[in-house]
Protein backbone atom coordinates (compact mmCIF):
# COMPACT_ATOMS: atom_id res chain seq x y z
CA MET A 1 -0.03 -0.03 0.23
CA ASP A 2 2.96 2.29 -0.12
CA THR A 3 2.70 3.13 -3.89
CA GLN A 4 -0.51 4.01 -5.70
CA ASN A 5 -1.40 1.83 -8.74
CA PRO A 6 -1.99 4.48 -11.66
CA SER A 7 -4.18 1.92 -13.49
CA ALA A 8 -6.27 1.41 -10.80
CA PRO A 9 -9.39 3.87 -10.63
CA SER A 10 -8.87 6.64 -7.73
CA HIS A 11 -12.48 6.03 -6.62
CA ALA A 12 -14.44 2.63 -6.04
CA HIS A 13 -17.37 4.37 -8.01
CA THR A 14 -16.89 7.01 -10.59
CA ARG A 15 -19.82 9.72 -10.94
CA VAL A 16 -21.07 11.02 -14.34
CA ALA A 17 -19.63 14.15 -14.92
CA GLY A 18 -23.14 15.77 -15.82
CA LYS A 19 -24.39 14.78 -12.24
CA LYS A 20 -21.62 16.37 -10.16
CA HIS A 21 -22.44 18.54 -7.36
CA PRO A 22 -22.83 22.23 -8.66
CA ASN A 23 -21.14 23.65 -5.88
CA ARG A 24 -18.23 21.32 -5.47
CA HIS A 25 -14.96 23.03 -6.43
CA PRO A 26 -13.27 20.88 -9.28
CA GLN A 27 -10.15 20.38 -7.33
CA ALA A 28 -11.77 19.32 -4.01
CA GLY A 29 -11.30 15.72 -2.81
CA LEU A 30 -8.83 13.50 -1.71
CA VAL A 31 -5.15 14.46 -2.02
CA HIS A 32 -2.43 11.88 -1.34
CA ASP A 33 0.61 13.02 0.75
CA ASN A 34 2.74 9.64 0.25
CA THR A 35 6.21 8.69 1.46
CA ARG A 36 7.72 5.39 0.27
CA HIS A 37 8.00 2.73 2.75
CA THR A 38 11.19 0.87 3.12
CA THR A 39 10.44 -1.46 6.11
CA ARG A 40 7.52 -2.79 7.98
CA PHE A 41 4.86 -2.48 5.14
CA THR A 42 2.42 -4.91 3.18
CA VAL A 43 0.98 -4.56 -0.28
CA ILE A 44 -2.51 -4.99 -0.26
CA GLY A 45 -4.65 -5.12 -3.66
CA ASN A 46 -7.20 -2.35 -4.37
CA HIS A 47 -9.76 -5.40 -5.04
CA LEU A 48 -9.66 -5.89 -1.19
CA ALA A 49 -9.39 -2.35 -0.08
CA GLN A 50 -12.05 -0.99 -2.41
CA HIS A 51 -14.21 -3.96 -2.49
CA PRO A 52 -17.67 -3.03 -3.58
CA GLU A 53 -19.68 -5.82 -1.45
CA LEU A 54 -17.27 -6.62 1.83
CA SER A 55 -18.40 -4.48 4.89
CA LEU A 56 -15.73 -1.79 6.23
CA LEU A 57 -15.04 -4.25 9.17
CA ALA A 58 -14.28 -7.00 6.84
CA ILE A 59 -11.98 -4.78 4.69
CA GLY A 60 -9.97 -3.79 7.68
CA LEU A 61 -9.98 -7.35 9.10
CA GLY A 62 -8.56 -8.78 5.83
CA VAL A 63 -5.94 -5.98 5.54
CA HIS A 64 -4.99 -6.68 9.10
CA ILE A 65 -4.62 -10.62 8.69
CA GLN A 66 -2.86 -10.07 5.63
CA SER A 67 -0.23 -7.99 7.37
CA LEU A 68 0.42 -10.51 10.14
CA PRO A 69 3.28 -12.96 10.10
CA ALA A 70 2.76 -16.63 9.46
CA GLY A 71 1.89 -18.50 12.52
CA ALA A 72 0.11 -15.80 14.03
CA ARG A 73 -3.33 -16.45 15.64
CA VAL A 74 -6.15 -15.27 13.78
CA ASP A 75 -9.10 -17.26 15.53
CA ILE A 76 -12.25 -15.34 16.62
CA LYS A 77 -11.09 -15.37 20.45
CA SER A 78 -7.54 -13.81 19.50
CA LEU A 79 -9.12 -11.14 17.27
CA ALA A 80 -11.74 -10.07 19.72
CA ALA A 81 -9.05 -9.51 22.39
CA ARG A 82 -7.15 -7.33 19.96
CA PHE A 83 -9.87 -5.49 18.66
CA PRO A 84 -12.77 -3.42 20.39
CA GLU A 85 -15.34 -5.29 18.28
CA GLY A 86 -17.09 -8.03 19.72
CA ALA A 87 -16.77 -11.75 18.78
CA THR A 88 -20.09 -11.80 16.94
CA ARG A 89 -19.15 -8.97 14.44
CA ILE A 90 -15.50 -10.52 13.97
CA ALA A 91 -16.99 -14.01 13.34
CA ALA A 92 -19.29 -12.30 10.61
CA ALA A 93 -16.47 -10.46 9.17
CA LEU A 94 -14.34 -13.63 8.90
CA ARG A 95 -17.34 -15.30 7.20
CA GLU A 96 -17.49 -12.64 4.60
CA LEU A 97 -13.92 -12.87 3.75
CA GLU A 98 -14.41 -16.62 3.53
CA ALA A 99 -17.30 -16.22 1.25
CA HIS A 100 -15.42 -13.99 -1.12
CA GLY A 101 -12.14 -15.96 -1.14
CA TYR A 102 -9.86 -14.32 1.18
CA LEU A 103 -9.68 -16.86 3.64
CA ARG A 104 -9.80 -20.71 3.80
CA ARG A 105 -10.26 -22.35 6.84
CA MET A 106 -9.34 -26.34 7.21
CA ARG A 107 -9.60 -28.55 10.08
CA GLU A 108 -6.65 -30.85 10.42
CA ARG A 109 -5.34 -33.57 12.70
CA VAL A 110 -1.90 -32.79 14.33
CA PRO A 111 0.52 -35.50 15.83
CA GLY A 112 -1.09 -36.52 19.23
CA GLY A 113 -4.71 -36.74 17.62
CA ARG A 114 -5.73 -33.34 18.36
CA ILE A 115 -7.72 -31.47 15.87
CA VAL A 116 -6.88 -27.94 15.00
CA THR A 117 -8.30 -25.19 12.52
CA ARG A 118 -5.65 -23.72 10.12
CA THR A 119 -6.56 -20.46 8.54
CA ILE A 120 -5.00 -19.62 5.21
CA SER A 121 -5.07 -15.84 4.03
CA CYS A 122 -5.25 -15.27 0.25
CA ASN A 123 -4.22 -12.04 -1.12
CA GLN A 124 -5.66 -12.77 -4.48
CA PRO A 125 -8.78 -14.81 -4.43
CA GLY A 126 -8.77 -17.66 -7.09
CA HIS A 127 -4.95 -17.85 -7.26
CA HIS A 128 -2.90 -20.13 -5.40
CA ALA A 129 0.98 -19.84 -4.70
CA GLU A 130 1.45 -22.68 -6.80
CA ASP A 131 -0.19 -21.47 -9.73
CA THR A 132 2.39 -18.69 -10.36
CA HIS A 133 5.29 -20.96 -10.68
CA THR A 134 6.04 -23.29 -13.81
CA PRO A 135 5.90 -26.73 -12.68
CA VAL A 136 9.06 -28.65 -12.96
CA ARG A 137 9.23 -32.41 -13.45
CA ARG A 138 11.11 -34.04 -10.68
CA THR A 139 12.43 -37.41 -10.44
CA HIS A 140 11.23 -39.10 -7.51
CA THR A 141 14.26 -40.02 -5.06
CA PRO A 142 13.40 -42.33 -2.37
CA ARG A 143 14.05 -40.61 1.23
CA LYS A 144 16.15 -42.44 3.43
CA ARG A 145 14.41 -43.24 6.57
CA THR A 146 16.28 -41.97 9.76
CA PRO A 147 16.60 -44.97 12.10
CA ALA A 148 14.59 -44.65 15.13
CA LYS A 149 16.88 -43.42 18.37
CA PRO A 150 17.13 -46.53 20.84
CA LEU A 151 15.32 -46.12 23.98
CA PRO A 152 17.47 -45.55 27.17
CA ALA A 153 18.81 -48.47 29.09
CA VAL A 154 16.58 -49.66 32.22
CA PRO A 155 17.77 -51.61 35.13
CA HIS A 156 17.31 -55.30 35.40
CA PRO A 157 16.37 -57.50 38.55
CA ALA A 158 19.00 -59.28 40.11
CA PHE A 159 17.10 -62.70 40.00
CA PRO A 160 14.64 -62.44 37.17
CA SER A 161 11.87 -64.67 37.21
CA PRO A 162 9.10 -65.20 34.58
CA VAL A 163 6.34 -64.41 37.15
CA LEU A 164 8.01 -61.23 37.86
CA LEU A 165 8.55 -60.17 34.17
CA ARG A 166 4.82 -61.37 33.50
CA GLN A 167 3.72 -58.88 36.52
CA ALA A 168 5.76 -56.05 34.95
CA THR A 169 4.47 -56.65 31.39
CA ASP A 170 0.71 -56.30 32.62
CA LEU A 171 1.65 -53.24 34.63
CA LEU A 172 2.94 -51.51 31.73
CA ALA A 173 0.16 -52.72 29.37
CA ASP A 174 -2.47 -51.11 32.06
CA LEU A 175 -0.57 -47.73 32.10
CA ARG A 176 -2.81 -46.64 29.11
CA ARG A 177 -6.16 -47.01 31.26
CA HIS A 178 -4.64 -44.60 33.51
CA ASN A 179 -3.21 -42.02 30.84
CA SER A 180 -4.19 -42.35 27.00
CA ARG A 181 -0.71 -41.02 26.09
CA LEU A 182 1.05 -43.84 27.63
CA LEU A 183 0.06 -46.21 25.03
CA LEU A 184 3.15 -48.75 24.51
CA SER A 185 3.94 -50.96 21.59
CA ALA A 186 4.78 -54.71 22.42
CA MET A 187 8.67 -54.02 21.49
CA ASP A 188 8.63 -51.00 23.92
CA THR A 189 6.82 -53.01 26.69
CA ALA A 190 9.43 -55.76 26.30
CA HIS A 191 12.23 -53.25 26.67
CA LEU A 192 10.78 -51.51 29.78
CA ALA A 193 9.53 -54.75 31.38
CA PRO A 194 12.94 -55.68 33.08
CA GLY A 195 13.02 -51.92 34.51
CA VAL A 196 9.51 -52.79 36.38
CA ALA A 197 10.54 -56.07 37.52
CA ALA A 198 13.85 -54.36 39.23
CA TRP A 199 11.25 -52.08 41.13
CA LEU A 200 8.96 -55.13 42.25
CA GLU A 201 12.04 -57.00 43.23
CA ARG A 202 12.77 -54.24 45.72
CA ASP A 203 9.73 -54.90 47.38
CA VAL A 204 7.85 -51.73 45.84
CA SER A 205 4.17 -52.23 45.26
CA PRO A 206 2.61 -52.23 41.81
CA THR A 207 0.57 -49.18 42.77
CA ALA A 208 3.77 -47.25 43.70
CA VAL A 209 5.34 -48.18 40.43
CA ARG A 210 2.31 -46.90 38.39
CA GLN A 211 2.10 -43.85 40.32
CA ALA A 212 5.80 -43.21 39.80
CA LEU A 213 5.45 -43.60 35.98
CA THR A 214 2.11 -41.48 35.53
CA THR A 215 2.47 -38.79 37.95
CA ASP A 216 3.48 -35.14 36.91
CA LEU A 217 3.91 -35.72 32.98
CA PRO A 218 4.59 -33.12 30.79
CA ARG A 219 1.60 -31.02 29.60
CA GLU A 220 2.78 -31.17 25.86
CA ASP A 221 2.17 -34.20 23.50
CA LEU A 222 4.55 -37.17 24.29
CA SER A 223 6.32 -38.04 21.23
CA ARG A 224 8.10 -41.00 22.67
CA PRO A 225 6.39 -42.14 25.97
CA ALA A 226 8.38 -45.24 26.22
CA ALA A 227 11.79 -42.82 26.48
CA LEU A 228 10.20 -40.82 29.17
CA LEU A 229 9.33 -44.06 31.05
CA ALA A 230 12.89 -45.68 30.84
CA HIS A 231 14.31 -42.43 32.01
CA ARG A 232 11.95 -42.60 35.34
CA LEU A 233 12.58 -46.30 35.64
CA THR A 234 16.46 -45.57 35.89
CA ALA A 235 16.64 -42.28 37.50
CA GLN A 236 13.98 -42.86 40.16
CA LEU A 237 15.01 -46.39 41.13
CA PRO A 238 14.76 -47.07 44.68
CA PRO A 239 17.32 -48.60 46.97
CA PRO A 240 17.13 -52.16 47.96
CA PRO A 241 15.15 -52.96 51.09
CA PRO A 242 17.06 -53.18 54.25
CA PHE A 243 18.32 -56.66 55.34
CA ARG A 244 16.20 -58.63 57.48
CA ALA A 245 17.48 -61.66 59.38
CA PRO A 246 15.76 -64.82 58.63
CA ALA A 247 13.04 -65.80 61.25
CA PRO A 248 14.22 -68.92 63.50
CA PRO A 249 12.45 -72.16 62.46
CA PRO A 250 9.50 -72.86 64.62
CA THR A 251 9.94 -75.11 67.55
CA VAL A 252 8.79 -78.78 67.22
CA ARG A 253 6.67 -80.12 69.96
CA HIS A 254 6.82 -83.75 70.04
CA PRO A 255 4.08 -86.07 71.08
CA PHE A 256 3.76 -87.71 74.64
CA GLN A 257 5.28 -90.93 75.09
CA THR A 258 4.93 -93.38 78.24
CA CYS A 259 8.25 -94.42 79.72
CA ASP A 260 9.06 -98.21 79.52
CA GLY A 261 10.94 -97.90 82.57
CA CYS A 262 8.83 -95.79 85.12
CA ASP A 263 5.32 -95.40 83.07
CA ARG A 264 5.86 -91.59 83.39
CA ALA A 265 4.69 -89.52 80.32
CA PHE A 266 7.46 -87.45 78.49
CA ARG A 267 7.77 -85.83 75.07
CA ALA A 268 9.64 -87.49 72.65
CA PRO A 269 9.29 -88.30 68.79
CA ALA A 270 9.55 -92.13 69.42
CA PRO A 271 8.50 -94.48 72.27
CA GLY A 272 11.28 -95.46 74.78
CA ARG A 273 12.45 -94.55 78.01
CA CYS A 274 12.36 -91.09 79.74
CA HIS A 275 15.35 -88.97 80.51
CA ASP A 276 15.76 -90.42 83.92
CA CYS A 277 15.52 -94.16 83.16
CA ARG A 278 17.98 -93.91 80.22
CA PRO A 279 21.01 -96.11 80.54
CA GLU A 280 23.89 -93.48 80.25
CA ARG A 281 22.00 -91.70 83.01
CA ALA A 282 22.63 -94.49 85.51
CA GLU A 283 25.87 -94.91 84.47
CA ARG A 284 26.89 -91.31 85.11
CA LEU A 285 25.03 -91.61 88.55
CA LYS A 286 27.17 -94.51 89.66
CA ALA A 287 30.22 -92.75 88.49
CA ALA A 288 29.50 -89.82 90.82
């Protein structure tokens, strides 16, 4: 808008010469005092600035949107916070621009499953950027796939067992029920299972392990949830439980037996003589 197009009419509508106001001076009207812009300017077509059907609010909003950088937010809420017009008027102006081809709004699904609305501003309705270039025939070159970065290593239990690994695998597969972003593949689950088993081996309950893996997750989308879980399993691994001495074996209570010598009852694993009637005791008494 820094220079005027001499081929464009100076007014949106030109009056017939014979119907000009009789008291208006022939030199009255708009006079431009222009200075050439060298920075921070936007070229706007007269087809928008002088559009015969768009409202003044729609024209101004269209000029504002074309002046914004790529990636700027132009949803109704953001525009209503920027301008004094309410959300209803701004929404109507956006519909006008969309109806005349100055805007295209598309709903797209971004990584992570969330659906967003993408707004495309057209400075010349009916023309697309790709139409202004001569198509160049290119030979298709297959793109080399970058191998996925391996997952961080996880701790392993000192005494692995199939039962412990099965319990760890079931715990990992159940994480998606507590947070849908923790949906793991079979390969990731097999990699992480020894790390969970190492926690379970250290007397950590499955509930405590699940809480350590699902609490305080980042708010943004998790591109590699398995890598985050592997880091937590390693960095937050609890110490081994304190040493506990084995419990003494329980005392065995023998059944009652009847002494063959004195008919006295005594406890023993098998029938025989009591302690007082045993031959070795009698010999010790004689020697004394």
